[in-house]
Amino acid sequence: FILAQGEEQGKVIGEVDEKTAGKCLTSIVHRAA
């Protein structure tokens, strides 16, 4: 989650990477499929 506008543009305010993905694992799937 990254700020795209304002003085702090580019600041990451939330991140889950591969090391912590086990806690926030989501699979993205096409609805029709």
ModelCIF file with pLDDT and N, C-alpha, C, O atoms, coordinates in Angstrom:
data_MODEL
#
_entry.id   MODEL 
#
_entity.id                         1 
_entity.type                       polymer 
_entity.pdbx_number_of_molecules   1 
#
_entity_poly.entity_id                      1 
_entity_poly.type                           'polypeptide(L)' 
_entity_poly.nstd_linkage                   no 
_entity_poly.nstd_monomer                   no 
_entity_poly.pdbx_seq_one_letter_code       FILAQGEEQGKVIGEVDEKTAGKCLTSIVHRAA 
_entity_poly.pdbx_seq_one_letter_code_can   FILAQGEEQGKVIGEVDEKTAGKCLTSIVHRAA 
_entity_poly.pdbx_strand_id                 A 
#
loop_
_entity_poly_seq.entity_id 
_entity_poly_seq.num 
_entity_poly_seq.mon_id 
_entity_poly_seq.hetero 
1 1  PHE n 
1 2  ILE n 
1 3  LEU n 
1 4  ALA n 
1 5  GLN n 
1 6  GLY n 
1 7  GLU n 
1 8  GLU n 
1 9  GLN n 
1 10 GLY n 
1 11 LYS n 
1 12 VAL n 
1 13 ILE n 
1 14 GLY n 
1 15 GLU n 
1 16 VAL n 
1 17 ASP n 
1 18 GLU n 
1 19 LYS n 
1 20 THR n 
1 21 ALA n 
1 22 GLY n 
1 23 LYS n 
1 24 CYS n 
1 25 LEU n 
1 26 THR n 
1 27 SER n 
1 28 ILE n 
1 29 VAL n 
1 30 HIS n 
1 31 ARG n 
1 32 ALA n 
1 33 ALA n 
#
_struct_asym.id          A 
_struct_asym.entity_id   1 
#
loop_
_ma_qa_metric.id 
_ma_qa_metric.mode 
_ma_qa_metric.name 
_ma_qa_metric.software_group_id 
_ma_qa_metric.type 
1 global pLDDT . pLDDT 
2 local  pLDDT . pLDDT 
#
_ma_qa_metric_global.metric_id      1 
_ma_qa_metric_global.metric_value   81.67 
_ma_qa_metric_global.model_id       1 
_ma_qa_metric_global.ordinal_id     1 
#
loop_
_ma_qa_metric_local.label_asym_id 
_ma_qa_metric_local.label_comp_id 
_ma_qa_metric_local.label_seq_id 
_ma_qa_metric_local.metric_id 
_ma_qa_metric_local.metric_value 
_ma_qa_metric_local.model_id 
_ma_qa_metric_local.ordinal_id 
A PHE 1  2 94.00 1 1  
A ILE 2  2 94.00 1 2  
A LEU 3  2 96.00 1 3  
A ALA 4  2 95.00 1 4  
A GLN 5  2 93.00 1 5  
A GLY 6  2 89.00 1 6  
A GLU 7  2 90.00 1 7  
A GLU 8  2 93.00 1 8  
A GLN 9  2 93.00 1 9  
A GLY 10 2 91.00 1 10 
A LYS 11 2 94.00 1 11 
A VAL 12 2 92.00 1 12 
A ILE 13 2 94.00 1 13 
A GLY 14 2 91.00 1 14 
A GLU 15 2 87.00 1 15 
A VAL 16 2 82.00 1 16 
A ASP 17 2 71.00 1 17 
A GLU 18 2 61.00 1 18 
A LYS 19 2 66.00 1 19 
A THR 20 2 62.00 1 20 
A ALA 21 2 54.00 1 21 
A GLY 22 2 53.00 1 22 
A LYS 23 2 52.00 1 23 
A CYS 24 2 50.00 1 24 
A LEU 25 2 64.00 1 25 
A THR 26 2 80.00 1 26 
A SER 27 2 84.00 1 27 
A ILE 28 2 82.00 1 28 
A VAL 29 2 88.00 1 29 
A HIS 30 2 87.00 1 30 
A ARG 31 2 90.00 1 31 
A ALA 32 2 91.00 1 32 
A ALA 33 2 92.00 1 33 
#
loop_
_atom_site.group_PDB 
_atom_site.id 
_atom_site.type_symbol 
_atom_site.label_atom_id 
_atom_site.label_alt_id 
_atom_site.label_comp_id 
_atom_site.label_asym_id 
_atom_site.label_entity_id 
_atom_site.label_seq_id 
_atom_site.pdbx_PDB_ins_code 
_atom_site.Cartn_x 
_atom_site.Cartn_y 
_atom_site.Cartn_z 
_atom_site.occupancy 
_atom_site.B_iso_or_equiv 
_atom_site.pdbx_formal_charge 
_atom_site.auth_seq_id 
_atom_site.auth_comp_id 
_atom_site.auth_asym_id 
_atom_site.auth_atom_id 
_atom_site.pdbx_PDB_model_num 
ATOM 1   N N  . PHE A 1 1  ? 0.864   -1.172  0.000   1.00 94.00 ? 1  PHE A N  1 
ATOM 2   C CA . PHE A 1 1  ? 0.000   0.000   0.000   1.00 94.00 ? 1  PHE A CA 1 
ATOM 3   C C  . PHE A 1 1  ? 0.901   1.221   0.000   1.00 94.00 ? 1  PHE A C  1 
ATOM 4   O O  . PHE A 1 1  ? 1.693   1.411   0.923   1.00 94.00 ? 1  PHE A O  1 
ATOM 5   N N  . ILE A 1 2  ? 0.785   2.056   -1.036  1.00 94.00 ? 2  ILE A N  1 
ATOM 6   C CA . ILE A 1 2  ? 1.735   3.148   -1.248  1.00 94.00 ? 2  ILE A CA 1 
ATOM 7   C C  . ILE A 1 2  ? 0.989   4.454   -1.490  1.00 94.00 ? 2  ILE A C  1 
ATOM 8   O O  . ILE A 1 2  ? -0.018  4.477   -2.199  1.00 94.00 ? 2  ILE A O  1 
ATOM 9   N N  . LEU A 1 3  ? 1.485   5.545   -0.898  1.00 96.00 ? 3  LEU A N  1 
ATOM 10  C CA . LEU A 1 3  ? 0.910   6.862   -1.155  1.00 96.00 ? 3  LEU A CA 1 
ATOM 11  C C  . LEU A 1 3  ? 1.307   7.330   -2.549  1.00 96.00 ? 3  LEU A C  1 
ATOM 12  O O  . LEU A 1 3  ? 2.482   7.279   -2.912  1.00 96.00 ? 3  LEU A O  1 
ATOM 13  N N  . ALA A 1 4  ? 0.342   7.778   -3.319  1.00 95.00 ? 4  ALA A N  1 
ATOM 14  C CA . ALA A 1 4  ? 0.613   8.187   -4.695  1.00 95.00 ? 4  ALA A CA 1 
ATOM 15  C C  . ALA A 1 4  ? 0.580   9.698   -4.878  1.00 95.00 ? 4  ALA A C  1 
ATOM 16  O O  . ALA A 1 4  ? 0.933   10.191  -5.949  1.00 95.00 ? 4  ALA A O  1 
ATOM 17  N N  . GLN A 1 5  ? 0.163   10.445  -3.855  1.00 93.00 ? 5  GLN A N  1 
ATOM 18  C CA . GLN A 1 5  ? 0.072   11.902  -3.972  1.00 93.00 ? 5  GLN A CA 1 
ATOM 19  C C  . GLN A 1 5  ? 0.511   12.557  -2.669  1.00 93.00 ? 5  GLN A C  1 
ATOM 20  O O  . GLN A 1 5  ? 0.601   11.911  -1.625  1.00 93.00 ? 5  GLN A O  1 
ATOM 21  N N  . GLY A 1 6  ? 0.779   13.837  -2.757  1.00 89.00 ? 6  GLY A N  1 
ATOM 22  C CA . GLY A 1 6  ? 1.142   14.606  -1.581  1.00 89.00 ? 6  GLY A CA 1 
ATOM 23  C C  . GLY A 1 6  ? 2.637   14.646  -1.334  1.00 89.00 ? 6  GLY A C  1 
ATOM 24  O O  . GLY A 1 6  ? 3.421   14.114  -2.120  1.00 89.00 ? 6  GLY A O  1 
ATOM 25  N N  . GLU A 1 7  ? 3.033   15.288  -0.222  1.00 90.00 ? 7  GLU A N  1 
ATOM 26  C CA . GLU A 1 7  ? 4.448   15.470  0.103   1.00 90.00 ? 7  GLU A CA 1 
ATOM 27  C C  . GLU A 1 7  ? 5.157   14.146  0.363   1.00 90.00 ? 7  GLU A C  1 
ATOM 28  O O  . GLU A 1 7  ? 6.367   14.043  0.161   1.00 90.00 ? 7  GLU A O  1 
ATOM 29  N N  . GLU A 1 8  ? 4.421   13.139  0.807   1.00 93.00 ? 8  GLU A N  1 
ATOM 30  C CA . GLU A 1 8  ? 5.030   11.841  1.129   1.00 93.00 ? 8  GLU A CA 1 
ATOM 31  C C  . GLU A 1 8  ? 4.783   10.813  0.021   1.00 93.00 ? 8  GLU A C  1 
ATOM 32  O O  . GLU A 1 8  ? 4.715   9.610   0.269   1.00 93.00 ? 8  GLU A O  1 
ATOM 33  N N  . GLN A 1 9  ? 4.654   11.313  -1.182  1.00 93.00 ? 9  GLN A N  1 
ATOM 34  C CA . GLN A 1 9  ? 4.428   10.447  -2.342  1.00 93.00 ? 9  GLN A CA 1 
ATOM 35  C C  . GLN A 1 9  ? 5.495   9.356   -2.415  1.00 93.00 ? 9  GLN A C  1 
ATOM 36  O O  . GLN A 1 9  ? 6.691   9.632   -2.325  1.00 93.00 ? 9  GLN A O  1 
ATOM 37  N N  . GLY A 1 10 ? 5.048   8.130   -2.577  1.00 91.00 ? 10 GLY A N  1 
ATOM 38  C CA . GLY A 1 10 ? 5.959   7.001   -2.657  1.00 91.00 ? 10 GLY A CA 1 
ATOM 39  C C  . GLY A 1 10 ? 6.160   6.274   -1.339  1.00 91.00 ? 10 GLY A C  1 
ATOM 40  O O  . GLY A 1 10 ? 6.797   5.221   -1.309  1.00 91.00 ? 10 GLY A O  1 
ATOM 41  N N  . LYS A 1 11 ? 5.624   6.819   -0.236  1.00 94.00 ? 11 LYS A N  1 
ATOM 42  C CA . LYS A 1 11 ? 5.795   6.184   1.068   1.00 94.00 ? 11 LYS A CA 1 
ATOM 43  C C  . LYS A 1 11 ? 4.947   4.919   1.164   1.00 94.00 ? 11 LYS A C  1 
ATOM 44  O O  . LYS A 1 11 ? 3.760   4.939   0.842   1.00 94.00 ? 11 LYS A O  1 
ATOM 45  N N  . VAL A 1 12 ? 5.555   3.822   1.607   1.00 92.00 ? 12 VAL A N  1 
ATOM 46  C CA . VAL A 1 12 ? 4.842   2.562   1.810   1.00 92.00 ? 12 VAL A CA 1 
ATOM 47  C C  . VAL A 1 12 ? 4.240   2.582   3.208   1.00 92.00 ? 12 VAL A C  1 
ATOM 48  O O  . VAL A 1 12 ? 4.972   2.698   4.192   1.00 92.00 ? 12 VAL A O  1 
ATOM 49  N N  . ILE A 1 13 ? 2.915   2.471   3.312   1.00 94.00 ? 13 ILE A N  1 
ATOM 50  C CA . ILE A 1 13 ? 2.269   2.501   4.628   1.00 94.00 ? 13 ILE A CA 1 
ATOM 51  C C  . ILE A 1 13 ? 1.745   1.122   5.038   1.00 94.00 ? 13 ILE A C  1 
ATOM 52  O O  . ILE A 1 13 ? 1.141   0.968   6.100   1.00 94.00 ? 13 ILE A O  1 
ATOM 53  N N  . GLY A 1 14 ? 1.980   0.147   4.201   1.00 91.00 ? 14 GLY A N  1 
ATOM 54  C CA . GLY A 1 14 ? 1.613   -1.225  4.553   1.00 91.00 ? 14 GLY A CA 1 
ATOM 55  C C  . GLY A 1 14 ? 2.229   -2.183  3.556   1.00 91.00 ? 14 GLY A C  1 
ATOM 56  O O  . GLY A 1 14 ? 2.144   -1.961  2.348   1.00 91.00 ? 14 GLY A O  1 
ATOM 57  N N  . GLU A 1 15 ? 2.855   -3.254  4.050   1.00 87.00 ? 15 GLU A N  1 
ATOM 58  C CA . GLU A 1 15 ? 3.505   -4.196  3.129   1.00 87.00 ? 15 GLU A CA 1 
ATOM 59  C C  . GLU A 1 15 ? 3.579   -5.586  3.753   1.00 87.00 ? 15 GLU A C  1 
ATOM 60  O O  . GLU A 1 15 ? 3.911   -5.748  4.928   1.00 87.00 ? 15 GLU A O  1 
ATOM 61  N N  . VAL A 1 16 ? 3.265   -6.567  2.942   1.00 82.00 ? 16 VAL A N  1 
ATOM 62  C CA . VAL A 1 16 ? 3.463   -7.968  3.291   1.00 82.00 ? 16 VAL A CA 1 
ATOM 63  C C  . VAL A 1 16 ? 4.318   -8.564  2.187   1.00 82.00 ? 16 VAL A C  1 
ATOM 64  O O  . VAL A 1 16 ? 3.910   -8.565  1.026   1.00 82.00 ? 16 VAL A O  1 
ATOM 65  N N  . ASP A 1 17 ? 5.516   -9.077  2.531   1.00 71.00 ? 17 ASP A N  1 
ATOM 66  C CA . ASP A 1 17 ? 6.388   -9.655  1.519   1.00 71.00 ? 17 ASP A CA 1 
ATOM 67  C C  . ASP A 1 17 ? 6.366   -11.173 1.602   1.00 71.00 ? 17 ASP A C  1 
ATOM 68  O O  . ASP A 1 17 ? 5.580   -11.750 2.355   1.00 71.00 ? 17 ASP A O  1 
ATOM 69  N N  . GLU A 1 18 ? 7.227   -11.815 0.830   1.00 61.00 ? 18 GLU A N  1 
ATOM 70  C CA . GLU A 1 18 ? 7.236   -13.280 0.767   1.00 61.00 ? 18 GLU A CA 1 
ATOM 71  C C  . GLU A 1 18 ? 7.521   -13.917 2.127   1.00 61.00 ? 18 GLU A C  1 
ATOM 72  O O  . GLU A 1 18 ? 7.033   -15.010 2.415   1.00 61.00 ? 18 GLU A O  1 
ATOM 73  N N  . LYS A 1 19 ? 8.311   -13.237 2.966   1.00 66.00 ? 19 LYS A N  1 
ATOM 74  C CA . LYS A 1 19 ? 8.662   -13.813 4.262   1.00 66.00 ? 19 LYS A CA 1 
ATOM 75  C C  . LYS A 1 19 ? 7.471   -13.871 5.203   1.00 66.00 ? 19 LYS A C  1 
ATOM 76  O O  . LYS A 1 19 ? 7.372   -14.770 6.039   1.00 66.00 ? 19 LYS A O  1 
ATOM 77  N N  . THR A 1 20 ? 6.559   -12.899 5.062   1.00 62.00 ? 20 THR A N  1 
ATOM 78  C CA . THR A 1 20 ? 5.403   -12.853 5.954   1.00 62.00 ? 20 THR A CA 1 
ATOM 79  C C  . THR A 1 20 ? 4.099   -13.213 5.248   1.00 62.00 ? 20 THR A C  1 
ATOM 80  O O  . THR A 1 20 ? 3.021   -13.092 5.830   1.00 62.00 ? 20 THR A O  1 
ATOM 81  N N  . ALA A 1 21 ? 4.195   -13.653 4.001   1.00 54.00 ? 21 ALA A N  1 
ATOM 82  C CA . ALA A 1 21 ? 2.981   -13.935 3.228   1.00 54.00 ? 21 ALA A CA 1 
ATOM 83  C C  . ALA A 1 21 ? 2.161   -15.066 3.821   1.00 54.00 ? 21 ALA A C  1 
ATOM 84  O O  . ALA A 1 21 ? 0.964   -15.176 3.554   1.00 54.00 ? 21 ALA A O  1 
ATOM 85  N N  . GLY A 1 22 ? 2.803   -15.912 4.630   1.00 53.00 ? 22 GLY A N  1 
ATOM 86  C CA . GLY A 1 22 ? 2.053   -16.994 5.250   1.00 53.00 ? 22 GLY A CA 1 
ATOM 87  C C  . GLY A 1 22 ? 0.961   -16.482 6.164   1.00 53.00 ? 22 GLY A C  1 
ATOM 88  O O  . GLY A 1 22 ? -0.039  -17.162 6.397   1.00 53.00 ? 22 GLY A O  1 
ATOM 89  N N  . LYS A 1 23 ? 1.158   -15.265 6.686   1.00 52.00 ? 23 LYS A N  1 
ATOM 90  C CA . LYS A 1 23 ? 0.150   -14.681 7.558   1.00 52.00 ? 23 LYS A CA 1 
ATOM 91  C C  . LYS A 1 23 ? -0.935  -13.969 6.757   1.00 52.00 ? 23 LYS A C  1 
ATOM 92  O O  . LYS A 1 23 ? -2.035  -13.767 7.272   1.00 52.00 ? 23 LYS A O  1 
ATOM 93  N N  . CYS A 1 24 ? -0.664  -13.595 5.547   1.00 50.00 ? 24 CYS A N  1 
ATOM 94  C CA . CYS A 1 24 ? -1.619  -12.817 4.774   1.00 50.00 ? 24 CYS A CA 1 
ATOM 95  C C  . CYS A 1 24 ? -1.767  -13.405 3.371   1.00 50.00 ? 24 CYS A C  1 
ATOM 96  O O  . CYS A 1 24 ? -1.771  -12.677 2.379   1.00 50.00 ? 24 CYS A O  1 
ATOM 97  N N  . LEU A 1 25 ? -1.887  -14.707 3.303   1.00 64.00 ? 25 LEU A N  1 
ATOM 98  C CA . LEU A 1 25 ? -1.908  -15.383 2.020   1.00 64.00 ? 25 LEU A CA 1 
ATOM 99  C C  . LEU A 1 25 ? -3.262  -15.217 1.331   1.00 64.00 ? 25 LEU A C  1 
ATOM 100 O O  . LEU A 1 25 ? -4.308  -15.505 1.914   1.00 64.00 ? 25 LEU A O  1 
ATOM 101 N N  . THR A 1 26 ? -3.225  -14.755 0.098   1.00 80.00 ? 26 THR A N  1 
ATOM 102 C CA . THR A 1 26 ? -4.425  -14.615 -0.718  1.00 80.00 ? 26 THR A CA 1 
ATOM 103 C C  . THR A 1 26 ? -4.127  -15.169 -2.098  1.00 80.00 ? 26 THR A C  1 
ATOM 104 O O  . THR A 1 26 ? -3.042  -14.955 -2.640  1.00 80.00 ? 26 THR A O  1 
ATOM 105 N N  . SER A 1 27 ? -5.076  -15.872 -2.659  1.00 84.00 ? 27 SER A N  1 
ATOM 106 C CA . SER A 1 27 ? -4.975  -16.303 -4.044  1.00 84.00 ? 27 SER A CA 1 
ATOM 107 C C  . SER A 1 27 ? -5.947  -15.474 -4.873  1.00 84.00 ? 27 SER A C  1 
ATOM 108 O O  . SER A 1 27 ? -7.111  -15.314 -4.508  1.00 84.00 ? 27 SER A O  1 
ATOM 109 N N  . ILE A 1 28 ? -5.461  -14.954 -5.983  1.00 82.00 ? 28 ILE A N  1 
ATOM 110 C CA . ILE A 1 28 ? -6.291  -14.172 -6.894  1.00 82.00 ? 28 ILE A CA 1 
ATOM 111 C C  . ILE A 1 28 ? -6.745  -15.090 -8.013  1.00 82.00 ? 28 ILE A C  1 
ATOM 112 O O  . ILE A 1 28 ? -5.927  -15.766 -8.637  1.00 82.00 ? 28 ILE A O  1 
ATOM 113 N N  . VAL A 1 29 ? -8.050  -15.118 -8.273  1.00 88.00 ? 29 VAL A N  1 
ATOM 114 C CA . VAL A 1 29 ? -8.578  -16.028 -9.277  1.00 88.00 ? 29 VAL A CA 1 
ATOM 115 C C  . VAL A 1 29 ? -9.613  -15.309 -10.134 1.00 88.00 ? 29 VAL A C  1 
ATOM 116 O O  . VAL A 1 29 ? -10.383 -14.483 -9.644  1.00 88.00 ? 29 VAL A O  1 
ATOM 117 N N  . HIS A 1 30 ? -9.616  -15.639 -11.421 1.00 87.00 ? 30 HIS A N  1 
ATOM 118 C CA . HIS A 1 30 ? -10.597 -15.075 -12.337 1.00 87.00 ? 30 HIS A CA 1 
ATOM 119 C C  . HIS A 1 30 ? -11.966 -15.662 -12.005 1.00 87.00 ? 30 HIS A C  1 
ATOM 120 O O  . HIS A 1 30 ? -12.115 -16.878 -11.885 1.00 87.00 ? 30 HIS A O  1 
ATOM 121 N N  . ARG A 1 31 ? -12.966 -14.785 -11.859 1.00 90.00 ? 31 ARG A N  1 
ATOM 122 C CA . ARG A 1 31 ? -14.290 -15.201 -11.401 1.00 90.00 ? 31 ARG A CA 1 
ATOM 123 C C  . ARG A 1 31 ? -14.917 -16.241 -12.332 1.00 90.00 ? 31 ARG A C  1 
ATOM 124 O O  . ARG A 1 31 ? -15.444 -17.256 -11.876 1.00 90.00 ? 31 ARG A O  1 
ATOM 125 N N  . ALA A 1 32 ? -14.855 -15.976 -13.649 1.00 91.00 ? 32 ALA A N  1 
ATOM 126 C CA . ALA A 1 32 ? -15.497 -16.876 -14.600 1.00 91.00 ? 32 ALA A CA 1 
ATOM 127 C C  . ALA A 1 32 ? -14.870 -18.266 -14.574 1.00 91.00 ? 32 ALA A C  1 
ATOM 128 O O  . ALA A 1 32 ? -15.573 -19.273 -14.654 1.00 91.00 ? 32 ALA A O  1 
ATOM 129 N N  . ALA A 1 33 ? -13.531 -18.316 -14.460 1.00 92.00 ? 33 ALA A N  1 
ATOM 130 C CA . ALA A 1 33 ? -12.841 -19.608 -14.427 1.00 92.00 ? 33 ALA A CA 1 
ATOM 131 C C  . ALA A 1 33 ? -13.188 -20.389 -13.167 1.00 92.00 ? 33 ALA A C  1 
ATOM 132 O O  . ALA A 1 33 ? -12.695 -21.501 -12.975 1.00 92.00 ? 33 ALA A O  1 
#
